[in-house]
PDB file of N, CA and C in Angstrom:
ATOM      1  N   MET A   1       0.602  -1.225  -0.233  1.00  0.00           N
ATOM      2  CA  MET A   1      -0.147  -0.294  -0.538  1.00  0.00           C
ATOM      3  C   MET A   1       0.827   1.166   0.187  1.00  0.00           C
ATOM      4  N   GLU A   2       0.527   2.256  -1.187  1.00  0.00           N
ATOM      5  CA  GLU A   2       1.503   3.503  -1.143  1.00  0.00           C
ATOM      6  C   GLU A   2       0.529   3.760  -0.363  1.00  0.00           C
ATOM      7  N   LEU A   3       1.451   5.345   0.194  1.00  0.00           N
ATOM      8  CA  LEU A   3       1.383   6.159   1.320  1.00  0.00           C
ATOM      9  C   LEU A   3       1.294   7.948   0.973  1.00  0.00           C
ATOM     10  N   ASP A   4       0.526   8.094  -0.307  1.00  0.00           N
ATOM     11  CA  ASP A   4       1.139   9.723  -0.256  1.00  0.00           C
ATOM     12  C   ASP A   4       0.491  10.762   1.037  1.00  0.00           C
ATOM     13  N   ILE A   5       1.453  11.593   1.879  1.00  0.00           N
ATOM     14  CA  ILE A   5       0.758  12.596   2.207  1.00  0.00           C
ATOM     15  C   ILE A   5       1.918  13.826   2.264  1.00  0.00           C
ATOM     16  N   THR A   6       1.099  14.759   1.536  1.00  0.00           N
ATOM     17  CA  THR A   6       2.426  16.612   2.061  1.00  0.00           C
ATOM     18  C   THR A   6       2.442  16.674   3.125  1.00  0.00           C
ATOM     19  N   LEU A   7       3.709  17.212   2.944  1.00  0.00           N
ATOM     20  CA  LEU A   7       3.213  18.274   4.327  1.00  0.00           C
ATOM     21  C   LEU A   7       4.417  19.213   4.199  1.00  0.00           C
ATOM     22  N   TYR A   8       3.471  20.381   4.548  1.00  0.00           N
ATOM     23  CA  TYR A   8       3.783  22.361   4.568  1.00  0.00           C
ATOM     24  C   TYR A   8       4.435  22.461   5.460  1.00  0.00           C
ATOM     25  N   VAL A   9       6.482  23.505   5.283  1.00  0.00           N
ATOM     26  CA  VAL A   9       6.881  23.750   6.638  1.00  0.00           C
ATOM     27  C   VAL A   9       7.389  25.481   6.094  1.00  0.00           C
ATOM     28  N   GLY A  10       6.645  26.049   7.886  1.00  0.00           N
ATOM     29  CA  GLY A  10       6.525  27.728   6.800  1.00  0.00           C
ATOM     30  C   GLY A  10       7.593  28.169   7.858  1.00  0.00           C
ATOM     31  N   CYS A  11       8.733  28.793   7.722  1.00  0.00           N
ATOM     32  CA  CYS A  11       9.649  29.205   8.437  1.00  0.00           C
ATOM     33  C   CYS A  11       9.428  31.393   8.418  1.00  0.00           C
ATOM     34  N   ALA A  12       9.601  31.463   9.306  1.00  0.00           N
ATOM     35  CA  ALA A  12       9.729  33.091   9.276  1.00  0.00           C
ATOM     36  C   ALA A  12      10.505  34.475   9.741  1.00  0.00           C
ATOM     37  N   VAL A  13      11.732  34.229   9.257  1.00  0.00           N
ATOM     38  CA  VAL A  13      13.393  33.823  10.329  1.00  0.00           C
ATOM     39  C   VAL A  13      13.696  35.516   9.824  1.00  0.00           C
ATOM     40  N   HIS A  14      13.739  35.354  11.364  1.00  0.00           N
ATOM     41  CA  HIS A  14      14.221  37.162  11.744  1.00  0.00           C
ATOM     42  C   HIS A  14      15.470  37.228  12.309  1.00  0.00           C
ATOM     43  N   LYS A  15      16.155  38.456  12.653  1.00  0.00           N
ATOM     44  CA  LYS A  15      17.218  38.509  12.874  1.00  0.00           C
ATOM     45  C   LYS A  15      17.481  37.614  14.723  1.00  0.00           C
ATOM     46  N   GLU A  16      16.362  37.948  15.127  1.00  0.00           N
ATOM     47  CA  GLU A  16      16.328  37.996  17.369  1.00  0.00           C
ATOM     48  C   GLU A  16      15.765  35.700  17.298  1.00  0.00           C
ATOM     49  N   SER A  17      14.642  36.075  16.203  1.00  0.00           N
ATOM     50  CA  SER A  17      13.757  34.751  16.640  1.00  0.00           C
ATOM     51  C   SER A  17      13.759  33.933  14.948  1.00  0.00           C
ATOM     52  N   ILE A  18      12.462  33.173  15.262  1.00  0.00           N
ATOM     53  CA  ILE A  18      12.126  31.734  14.170  1.00  0.00           C
ATOM     54  C   ILE A  18      11.313  31.114  14.421  1.00  0.00           C
ATOM     55  N   THR A  19      10.284  31.194  13.789  1.00  0.00           N
ATOM     56  CA  THR A  19       8.817  30.853  14.327  1.00  0.00           C
ATOM     57  C   THR A  19       8.396  29.924  13.314  1.00  0.00           C
ATOM     58  N   VAL A  20       8.380  28.625  13.360  1.00  0.00           N
ATOM     59  CA  VAL A  20       7.484  27.765  12.586  1.00  0.00           C
ATOM     60  C   VAL A  20       6.870  27.256  12.438  1.00  0.00           C
ATOM     61  N   ALA A  21       5.857  27.253  11.544  1.00  0.00           N
ATOM     62  CA  ALA A  21       4.578  26.572  11.438  1.00  0.00           C
ATOM     63  C   ALA A  21       4.181  25.240  10.149  1.00  0.00           C
ATOM     64  N   TYR A  22       3.625  24.153  10.478  1.00  0.00           N
ATOM     65  CA  TYR A  22       3.355  23.645   9.743  1.00  0.00           C
ATOM     66  C   TYR A  22       1.657  23.340   9.147  1.00  0.00           C
ATOM     67  N   ALA A  23       1.465  21.906   7.671  1.00  0.00           N
ATOM     68  CA  ALA A  23      -0.085  21.957   7.815  1.00  0.00           C
ATOM     69  C   ALA A  23       0.504  20.506   7.129  1.00  0.00           C
ATOM     70  N   MET A  24      -0.370  19.626   7.220  1.00  0.00           N
ATOM     71  CA  MET A  24      -0.921  18.252   6.665  1.00  0.00           C
ATOM     72  C   MET A  24      -1.467  18.231   5.404  1.00  0.00           C
ATOM     73  N   GLY A  25      -0.722  18.056   4.303  1.00  0.00           N
ATOM     74  CA  GLY A  25      -1.914  18.972   3.123  1.00  0.00           C
ATOM     75  C   GLY A  25      -2.063  19.345   3.084  1.00  0.00           C
ATOM     76  N   THR A  26      -3.674  19.142   2.836  1.00  0.00           N
ATOM     77  CA  THR A  26      -4.352  21.135   2.822  1.00  0.00           C
ATOM     78  C   THR A  26      -5.469  20.917   4.456  1.00  0.00           C
ATOM     79  N   GLY A  27      -5.104  20.400   5.715  1.00  0.00           N
ATOM     80  CA  GLY A  27      -5.295  20.893   6.908  1.00  0.00           C
ATOM     81  C   GLY A  27      -5.067  22.119   7.106  1.00  0.00           C
ATOM     82  N   GLU A  28      -5.341  22.177   8.453  1.00  0.00           N
ATOM     83  CA  GLU A  28      -5.579  23.412   9.077  1.00  0.00           C
ATOM     84  C   GLU A  28      -4.085  23.941   9.649  1.00  0.00           C
ATOM     85  N   VAL A  29      -3.136  25.168  10.272  1.00  0.00           N
ATOM     86  CA  VAL A  29      -1.750  25.001   9.711  1.00  0.00           C
ATOM     87  C   VAL A  29      -2.147  25.864  11.700  1.00  0.00           C
ATOM     88  N   GLU A  30      -0.299  24.585  11.502  1.00  0.00           N
ATOM     89  CA  GLU A  30      -0.238  24.482  13.066  1.00  0.00           C
ATOM     90  C   GLU A  30       0.221  24.942  13.600  1.00  0.00           C
ATOM     91  N   LEU A  31       1.419  25.912  14.502  1.00  0.00           N
ATOM     92  CA  LEU A  31       2.191  27.113  14.955  1.00  0.00           C
ATOM     93  C   LEU A  31       2.844  25.773  15.921  1.00  0.00           C
ATOM     94  N   LEU A  32       4.051  25.420  15.052  1.00  0.00           N
ATOM     95  CA  LEU A  32       5.084  24.647  16.034  1.00  0.00           C
ATOM     96  C   LEU A  32       5.850  25.107  17.172  1.00  0.00           C
ATOM     97  N   GLY A  33       6.359  26.400  16.486  1.00  0.00           N
ATOM     98  CA  GLY A  33       7.141  27.263  18.472  1.00  0.00           C
ATOM     99  C   GLY A  33       7.933  28.590  17.559  1.00  0.00           C
ATOM    100  N   LYS A  34       8.100  29.332  18.454  1.00  0.00           N
ATOM    101  CA  LYS A  34       9.140  29.916  18.259  1.00  0.00           C
ATOM    102  C   LYS A  34      10.518  30.262  18.887  1.00  0.00           C
ATOM    103  N   THR A  35      10.981  30.818  18.673  1.00  0.00           N
ATOM    104  CA  THR A  35      12.331  30.254  19.222  1.00  0.00           C
ATOM    105  C   THR A  35      13.569  31.198  19.029  1.00  0.00           C
ATOM    106  N   GLY A  36      15.098  31.103  19.144  1.00  0.00           N
ATOM    107  CA  GLY A  36      15.644  32.097  18.720  1.00  0.00           C
ATOM    108  C   GLY A  36      16.797  31.607  18.408  1.00  0.00           C
ATOM    109  N   THR A  37      17.411  32.357  17.448  1.00  0.00           N
ATOM    110  CA  THR A  37      18.477  32.232  15.846  1.00  0.00           C
ATOM    111  C   THR A  37      20.364  31.147  16.410  1.00  0.00           C
ATOM    112  N   THR A  38      20.129  30.880  17.433  1.00  0.00           N
ATOM    113  CA  THR A  38      21.492  29.790  18.040  1.00  0.00           C
ATOM    114  C   THR A  38      21.044  28.621  17.475  1.00  0.00           C
ATOM    115  N   GLN A  39      22.517  27.961  17.420  1.00  0.00           N
ATOM    116  CA  GLN A  39      22.171  26.496  17.109  1.00  0.00           C
ATOM    117  C   GLN A  39      21.438  25.783  18.246  1.00  0.00           C
ATOM    118  N   ALA A  40      21.846  26.264  19.971  1.00  0.00           N
ATOM    119  CA  ALA A  40      21.165  25.092  20.834  1.00  0.00           C
ATOM    120  C   ALA A  40      19.991  25.829  20.528  1.00  0.00           C
ATOM    121  N   ASP A  41      20.087  26.834  19.621  1.00  0.00           N
ATOM    122  CA  ASP A  41      17.789  26.895  20.165  1.00  0.00           C
ATOM    123  C   ASP A  41      16.517  25.878  19.061  1.00  0.00           C
ATOM    124  N   ILE A  42      17.804  25.809  17.946  1.00  0.00           N
ATOM    125  CA  ILE A  42      16.758  25.435  16.694  1.00  0.00           C
ATOM    126  C   ILE A  42      17.273  23.830  16.918  1.00  0.00           C
ATOM    127  N   ASP A  43      18.026  23.375  17.960  1.00  0.00           N
ATOM    128  CA  ASP A  43      17.871  21.618  17.931  1.00  0.00           C
ATOM    129  C   ASP A  43      17.223  21.642  18.791  1.00  0.00           C
ATOM    130  N   LEU A  44      16.661  22.328  20.117  1.00  0.00           N
ATOM    131  CA  LEU A  44      15.607  21.969  20.617  1.00  0.00           C
ATOM    132  C   LEU A  44      14.104  22.509  19.960  1.00  0.00           C
ATOM    133  N   LEU A  45      13.483  23.507  19.547  1.00  0.00           N
ATOM    134  CA  LEU A  45      12.976  22.938  18.699  1.00  0.00           C
ATOM    135  C   LEU A  45      12.519  21.288  18.215  1.00  0.00           C
TER     136      LEU A  45
END
């Protein structure tokens, strides 16, 4: 059985923060979170 799922990911990148949201197929957009811009912050997200 073949499974076809589209995942959309959006990132708003600014000097002090990164905000990430996603949507599965044509579903609702869900906010994943907002984080700082250091590598440690991004790894935690």
